[in-house]
Amino acid sequence: MATNDNQRKTVYLVRHGEAVSKDVDPARPLTQAGWLAVERIAGWAAAADVRPDEIVHSGKLRAEQTAEILTDYLMPAKGSTVRRGLGPDDDVRPLADSLAATDRTLMVVGHLPFLGRLVSQLVVGDADRPVVEFEAAGLVGLQFRDGLWTITCVVDPELLP
């Protein structure tokens, strides 16, 4: 399917849920509170008819667990997969460049500072100029239309029932 700038493209970015400290477990799985917060976001997203074609994550345990919960609620056609370049300190430009070219609705599960820098790169063209804050398990929706990215929603799981 061919794409053009007038076609709306949507990306959802989700910060992983709260994880245990490295001192407790170097793999850093989600805490119980982190798990519950991700379930709140996933439930909200399902009720809001968020339908990603695919969920990608960094491969770190906390991001993988977050992506699994989201996959269970949202049932993306292509499931959940690991994607390189989504680590906390990775360069955001390769992903930013590829997002405008995609014709799929994508959900990216990752980490700080990567996700905040990605939003800044997309919206203002400068990864070092903060435009949004991500809470643990928080979701930011972005839409690409007419050559520009705009933030369409910011959801903090602590504000959800």
C-alpha atoms as a PDB file:
ATOM      1  CA  MET A   1       0.000   0.000   0.000  1.00  0.00           C
ATOM      2  CA  ALA A   2       1.472   3.341  -0.998  1.00  0.00           C
ATOM      3  CA  THR A   3       1.592   6.110   1.561  1.00  0.00           C
ATOM      4  CA  ASN A   4       1.617   9.880   1.254  1.00  0.00           C
ATOM      5  CA  ASP A   5       1.906  12.816   3.610  1.00  0.00           C
ATOM      6  CA  ASN A   6      -1.864  13.327   3.736  1.00  0.00           C
ATOM      7  CA  GLN A   7      -2.420   9.854   5.107  1.00  0.00           C
ATOM      8  CA  ARG A   8      -2.636   9.775   8.904  1.00  0.00           C
ATOM      9  CA  LYS A   9      -0.044   7.628  10.618  1.00  0.00           C
ATOM     10  CA  THR A  10      -0.261   6.897  14.302  1.00  0.00           C
ATOM     11  CA  VAL A  11       2.420   5.816  16.741  1.00  0.00           C
ATOM     12  CA  TYR A  12       1.937   5.030  20.411  1.00  0.00           C
ATOM     13  CA  LEU A  13       4.937   5.192  22.726  1.00  0.00           C
ATOM     14  CA  VAL A  14       4.761   3.440  26.088  1.00  0.00           C
ATOM     15  CA  ARG A  15       7.314   3.602  28.846  1.00  0.00           C
ATOM     16  CA  HIS A  16       7.765   0.273  30.604  1.00  0.00           C
ATOM     17  CA  GLY A  17       6.109  -0.170  33.977  1.00  0.00           C
ATOM     18  CA  GLU A  18       7.902   0.334  37.265  1.00  0.00           C
ATOM     19  CA  ALA A  19      10.692  -2.234  37.631  1.00  0.00           C
ATOM     20  CA  VAL A  20      12.628  -3.567  40.596  1.00  0.00           C
ATOM     21  CA  SER A  21      16.047  -2.036  41.218  1.00  0.00           C
ATOM     22  CA  LYS A  22      19.244  -3.606  39.895  1.00  0.00           C
ATOM     23  CA  ASP A  23      20.181  -4.387  43.494  1.00  0.00           C
ATOM     24  CA  VAL A  24      17.099  -6.576  43.937  1.00  0.00           C
ATOM     25  CA  ASP A  25      17.282  -8.271  40.517  1.00  0.00           C
ATOM     26  CA  PRO A  26      19.742  -7.302  37.749  1.00  0.00           C
ATOM     27  CA  ALA A  27      17.191  -8.399  35.102  1.00  0.00           C
ATOM     28  CA  ARG A  28      14.790  -5.713  36.449  1.00  0.00           C
ATOM     29  CA  PRO A  29      11.365  -7.342  36.054  1.00  0.00           C
ATOM     30  CA  LEU A  30       8.210  -5.324  36.676  1.00  0.00           C
ATOM     31  CA  THR A  31       7.103  -4.788  40.246  1.00  0.00           C
ATOM     32  CA  GLN A  32       3.549  -5.720  41.186  1.00  0.00           C
ATOM     33  CA  ALA A  33       2.645  -2.016  41.071  1.00  0.00           C
ATOM     34  CA  GLY A  34       4.331  -1.732  37.676  1.00  0.00           C
ATOM     35  CA  TRP A  35       2.353  -4.705  36.380  1.00  0.00           C
ATOM     36  CA  LEU A  36      -0.927  -3.201  37.604  1.00  0.00           C
ATOM     37  CA  ALA A  37      -0.129   0.212  36.078  1.00  0.00           C
ATOM     38  CA  VAL A  38       0.565  -1.390  32.692  1.00  0.00           C
ATOM     39  CA  GLU A  39      -2.718  -3.274  32.950  1.00  0.00           C
ATOM     40  CA  ARG A  40      -4.523   0.055  33.619  1.00  0.00           C
ATOM     41  CA  ILE A  41      -2.934   1.607  30.516  1.00  0.00           C
ATOM     42  CA  ALA A  42      -3.670  -1.504  28.442  1.00  0.00           C
ATOM     43  CA  GLY A  43      -7.303  -1.505  29.584  1.00  0.00           C
ATOM     44  CA  TRP A  44      -7.647   2.183  28.772  1.00  0.00           C
ATOM     45  CA  ALA A  45      -6.051   1.680  25.352  1.00  0.00           C
ATOM     46  CA  ALA A  46      -8.371  -1.215  24.537  1.00  0.00           C
ATOM     47  CA  ALA A  47     -11.431   0.817  25.601  1.00  0.00           C
ATOM     48  CA  ALA A  48     -10.163   3.778  23.537  1.00  0.00           C
ATOM     49  CA  ASP A  49      -9.910   1.469  20.496  1.00  0.00           C
ATOM     50  CA  VAL A  50      -6.131   1.771  20.215  1.00  0.00           C
ATOM     51  CA  ARG A  51      -5.304  -0.887  17.618  1.00  0.00           C
ATOM     52  CA  PRO A  52      -1.610  -1.148  16.787  1.00  0.00           C
ATOM     53  CA  ASP A  53      -0.628  -3.476  13.955  1.00  0.00           C
ATOM     54  CA  GLU A  54       2.495  -4.381  15.895  1.00  0.00           C
ATOM     55  CA  ILE A  55       4.106  -3.755  19.269  1.00  0.00           C
ATOM     56  CA  VAL A  56       7.889  -3.485  19.332  1.00  0.00           C
ATOM     57  CA  HIS A  57      10.095  -3.384  22.409  1.00  0.00           C
ATOM     58  CA  SER A  58      13.762  -3.155  23.372  1.00  0.00           C
ATOM     59  CA  GLY A  59      14.126  -6.738  24.556  1.00  0.00           C
ATOM     60  CA  LYS A  60      14.943  -5.722  28.134  1.00  0.00           C
ATOM     61  CA  LEU A  61      12.798  -7.769  30.541  1.00  0.00           C
ATOM     62  CA  ARG A  62      10.771  -4.827  31.882  1.00  0.00           C
ATOM     63  CA  ALA A  63       9.931  -3.669  28.348  1.00  0.00           C
ATOM     64  CA  GLU A  64       9.184  -7.222  27.211  1.00  0.00           C
ATOM     65  CA  GLN A  65       6.795  -7.785  30.135  1.00  0.00           C
ATOM     66  CA  THR A  66       5.089  -4.445  29.416  1.00  0.00           C
ATOM     67  CA  ALA A  67       4.739  -5.374  25.737  1.00  0.00           C
ATOM     68  CA  GLU A  68       3.296  -8.791  26.651  1.00  0.00           C
ATOM     69  CA  ILE A  69       0.585  -7.207  28.786  1.00  0.00           C
ATOM     70  CA  LEU A  70      -0.262  -4.710  26.036  1.00  0.00           C
ATOM     71  CA  THR A  71      -0.338  -7.527  23.471  1.00  0.00           C
ATOM     72  CA  ASP A  72      -2.790  -9.515  25.604  1.00  0.00           C
ATOM     73  CA  TYR A  73      -5.185  -6.552  25.747  1.00  0.00           C
ATOM     74  CA  LEU A  74      -4.730  -5.069  22.257  1.00  0.00           C
ATOM     75  CA  MET A  75      -4.094  -8.213  20.173  1.00  0.00           C
ATOM     76  CA  PRO A  76      -2.009  -6.625  17.395  1.00  0.00           C
ATOM     77  CA  ALA A  77      -2.040  -8.611  14.130  1.00  0.00           C
ATOM     78  CA  LYS A  78       1.760  -8.856  14.053  1.00  0.00           C
ATOM     79  CA  GLY A  79       2.110  -9.485  17.781  1.00  0.00           C
ATOM     80  CA  SER A  80       5.039  -8.230  19.823  1.00  0.00           C
ATOM     81  CA  THR A  81       8.664  -8.302  18.670  1.00  0.00           C
ATOM     82  CA  VAL A  82      12.092  -7.119  19.746  1.00  0.00           C
ATOM     83  CA  ARG A  83      13.502  -4.231  17.752  1.00  0.00           C
ATOM     84  CA  ARG A  84      17.106  -3.129  17.968  1.00  0.00           C
ATOM     85  CA  GLY A  85      17.887   0.493  18.706  1.00  0.00           C
ATOM     86  CA  LEU A  86      15.318   1.062  21.474  1.00  0.00           C
ATOM     87  CA  GLY A  87      17.693   1.013  24.440  1.00  0.00           C
ATOM     88  CA  PRO A  88      17.673   3.857  26.968  1.00  0.00           C
ATOM     89  CA  ASP A  89      20.638   5.673  25.426  1.00  0.00           C
ATOM     90  CA  ASP A  90      20.265   4.676  21.755  1.00  0.00           C
ATOM     91  CA  ASP A  91      20.169   7.284  18.990  1.00  0.00           C
ATOM     92  CA  VAL A  92      16.520   8.179  18.244  1.00  0.00           C
ATOM     93  CA  ARG A  93      17.101   9.349  14.672  1.00  0.00           C
ATOM     94  CA  PRO A  94      16.977   5.944  12.922  1.00  0.00           C
ATOM     95  CA  LEU A  95      13.579   5.153  14.435  1.00  0.00           C
ATOM     96  CA  ALA A  96      12.322   8.706  13.921  1.00  0.00           C
ATOM     97  CA  ASP A  97      13.271   8.541  10.250  1.00  0.00           C
ATOM     98  CA  SER A  98      11.550   5.181   9.745  1.00  0.00           C
ATOM     99  CA  LEU A  99       8.285   6.131  11.458  1.00  0.00           C
ATOM    100  CA  ALA A 100       7.176   8.639   8.833  1.00  0.00           C
ATOM    101  CA  ALA A 101       7.746   6.018   6.131  1.00  0.00           C
ATOM    102  CA  THR A 102       5.659   3.283   7.740  1.00  0.00           C
ATOM    103  CA  ASP A 103       2.091   2.555   6.756  1.00  0.00           C
ATOM    104  CA  ARG A 104       1.329   0.667   9.974  1.00  0.00           C
ATOM    105  CA  THR A 105       0.078   1.768  13.358  1.00  0.00           C
ATOM    106  CA  LEU A 106       2.949   0.957  15.661  1.00  0.00           C
ATOM    107  CA  MET A 107       3.310   0.800  19.438  1.00  0.00           C
ATOM    108  CA  VAL A 108       6.841   1.202  20.797  1.00  0.00           C
ATOM    109  CA  VAL A 109       7.603   0.058  24.348  1.00  0.00           C
ATOM    110  CA  GLY A 110      10.817   1.477  25.701  1.00  0.00           C
ATOM    111  CA  HIS A 111      12.761   3.457  28.241  1.00  0.00           C
ATOM    112  CA  LEU A 112      13.866   6.899  29.317  1.00  0.00           C
ATOM    113  CA  PRO A 113      15.582   8.939  28.106  1.00  0.00           C
ATOM    114  CA  PHE A 114      15.008   7.327  24.671  1.00  0.00           C
ATOM    115  CA  LEU A 115      11.231   7.820  24.486  1.00  0.00           C
ATOM    116  CA  GLY A 116      11.303  11.457  25.583  1.00  0.00           C
ATOM    117  CA  ARG A 117      14.087  12.195  23.114  1.00  0.00           C
ATOM    118  CA  LEU A 118      12.135  10.431  20.339  1.00  0.00           C
ATOM    119  CA  VAL A 119       9.041  12.573  20.907  1.00  0.00           C
ATOM    120  CA  SER A 120      11.195  15.714  20.873  1.00  0.00           C
ATOM    121  CA  GLN A 121      12.899  14.627  17.642  1.00  0.00           C
ATOM    122  CA  LEU A 122       9.577  13.938  15.961  1.00  0.00           C
ATOM    123  CA  VAL A 123       7.656  16.992  17.141  1.00  0.00           C
ATOM    124  CA  VAL A 124      10.291  19.762  17.170  1.00  0.00           C
ATOM    125  CA  GLY A 125      13.178  18.182  15.249  1.00  0.00           C
ATOM    126  CA  ASP A 126      15.543  18.373  18.226  1.00  0.00           C
ATOM    127  CA  ALA A 127      15.957  15.394  20.555  1.00  0.00           C
ATOM    128  CA  ASP A 128      17.556  17.641  23.188  1.00  0.00           C
ATOM    129  CA  ARG A 129      14.510  19.918  23.540  1.00  0.00           C
ATOM    130  CA  PRO A 130      12.060  18.231  25.950  1.00  0.00           C
ATOM    131  CA  VAL A 131       8.374  18.447  25.053  1.00  0.00           C
ATOM    132  CA  VAL A 132       6.745  15.679  27.121  1.00  0.00           C
ATOM    133  CA  GLU A 133       7.294  13.746  30.346  1.00  0.00           C
ATOM    134  CA  PHE A 134       6.757  10.000  30.538  1.00  0.00           C
ATOM    135  CA  GLU A 135       5.572   8.410  33.763  1.00  0.00           C
ATOM    136  CA  ALA A 136       6.259   4.711  34.324  1.00  0.00           C
ATOM    137  CA  ALA A 137       3.713   2.834  32.162  1.00  0.00           C
ATOM    138  CA  GLY A 138       2.710   6.152  30.576  1.00  0.00           C
ATOM    139  CA  LEU A 139       1.493   6.349  26.976  1.00  0.00           C
ATOM    140  CA  VAL A 140       2.002   9.109  24.419  1.00  0.00           C
ATOM    141  CA  GLY A 141       0.140   9.032  21.099  1.00  0.00           C
ATOM    142  CA  LEU A 142       1.497  10.817  18.052  1.00  0.00           C
ATOM    143  CA  GLN A 143       0.049  11.366  14.617  1.00  0.00           C
ATOM    144  CA  PHE A 144       1.835  12.186  11.365  1.00  0.00           C
ATOM    145  CA  ARG A 145      -0.152  14.225   8.870  1.00  0.00           C
ATOM    146  CA  ASP A 146       0.783  16.749   6.217  1.00  0.00           C
ATOM    147  CA  GLY A 147       4.468  16.254   6.974  1.00  0.00           C
ATOM    148  CA  LEU A 148       4.215  17.032  10.698  1.00  0.00           C
ATOM    149  CA  TRP A 149       4.068  14.985  13.891  1.00  0.00           C
ATOM    150  CA  THR A 150       1.707  16.141  16.632  1.00  0.00           C
ATOM    151  CA  ILE A 151       1.027  14.765  20.095  1.00  0.00           C
ATOM    152  CA  THR A 152      -2.555  13.503  20.243  1.00  0.00           C
ATOM    153  CA  CYS A 153      -2.644  12.158  23.802  1.00  0.00           C
ATOM    154  CA  VAL A 154      -0.599  11.761  26.972  1.00  0.00           C
ATOM    155  CA  VAL A 155      -1.957   9.204  29.450  1.00  0.00           C
ATOM    156  CA  ASP A 156      -0.612   8.746  32.970  1.00  0.00           C
ATOM    157  CA  PRO A 157      -1.716   5.416  34.472  1.00  0.00           C
ATOM    158  CA  GLU A 158      -1.957   6.996  37.923  1.00  0.00           C
ATOM    159  CA  LEU A 159      -4.900   9.075  36.679  1.00  0.00           C
ATOM    160  CA  LEU A 160      -6.835   6.012  35.492  1.00  0.00           C
ATOM    161  CA  PRO A 161      -9.229   4.021  37.690  1.00  0.00           C
END
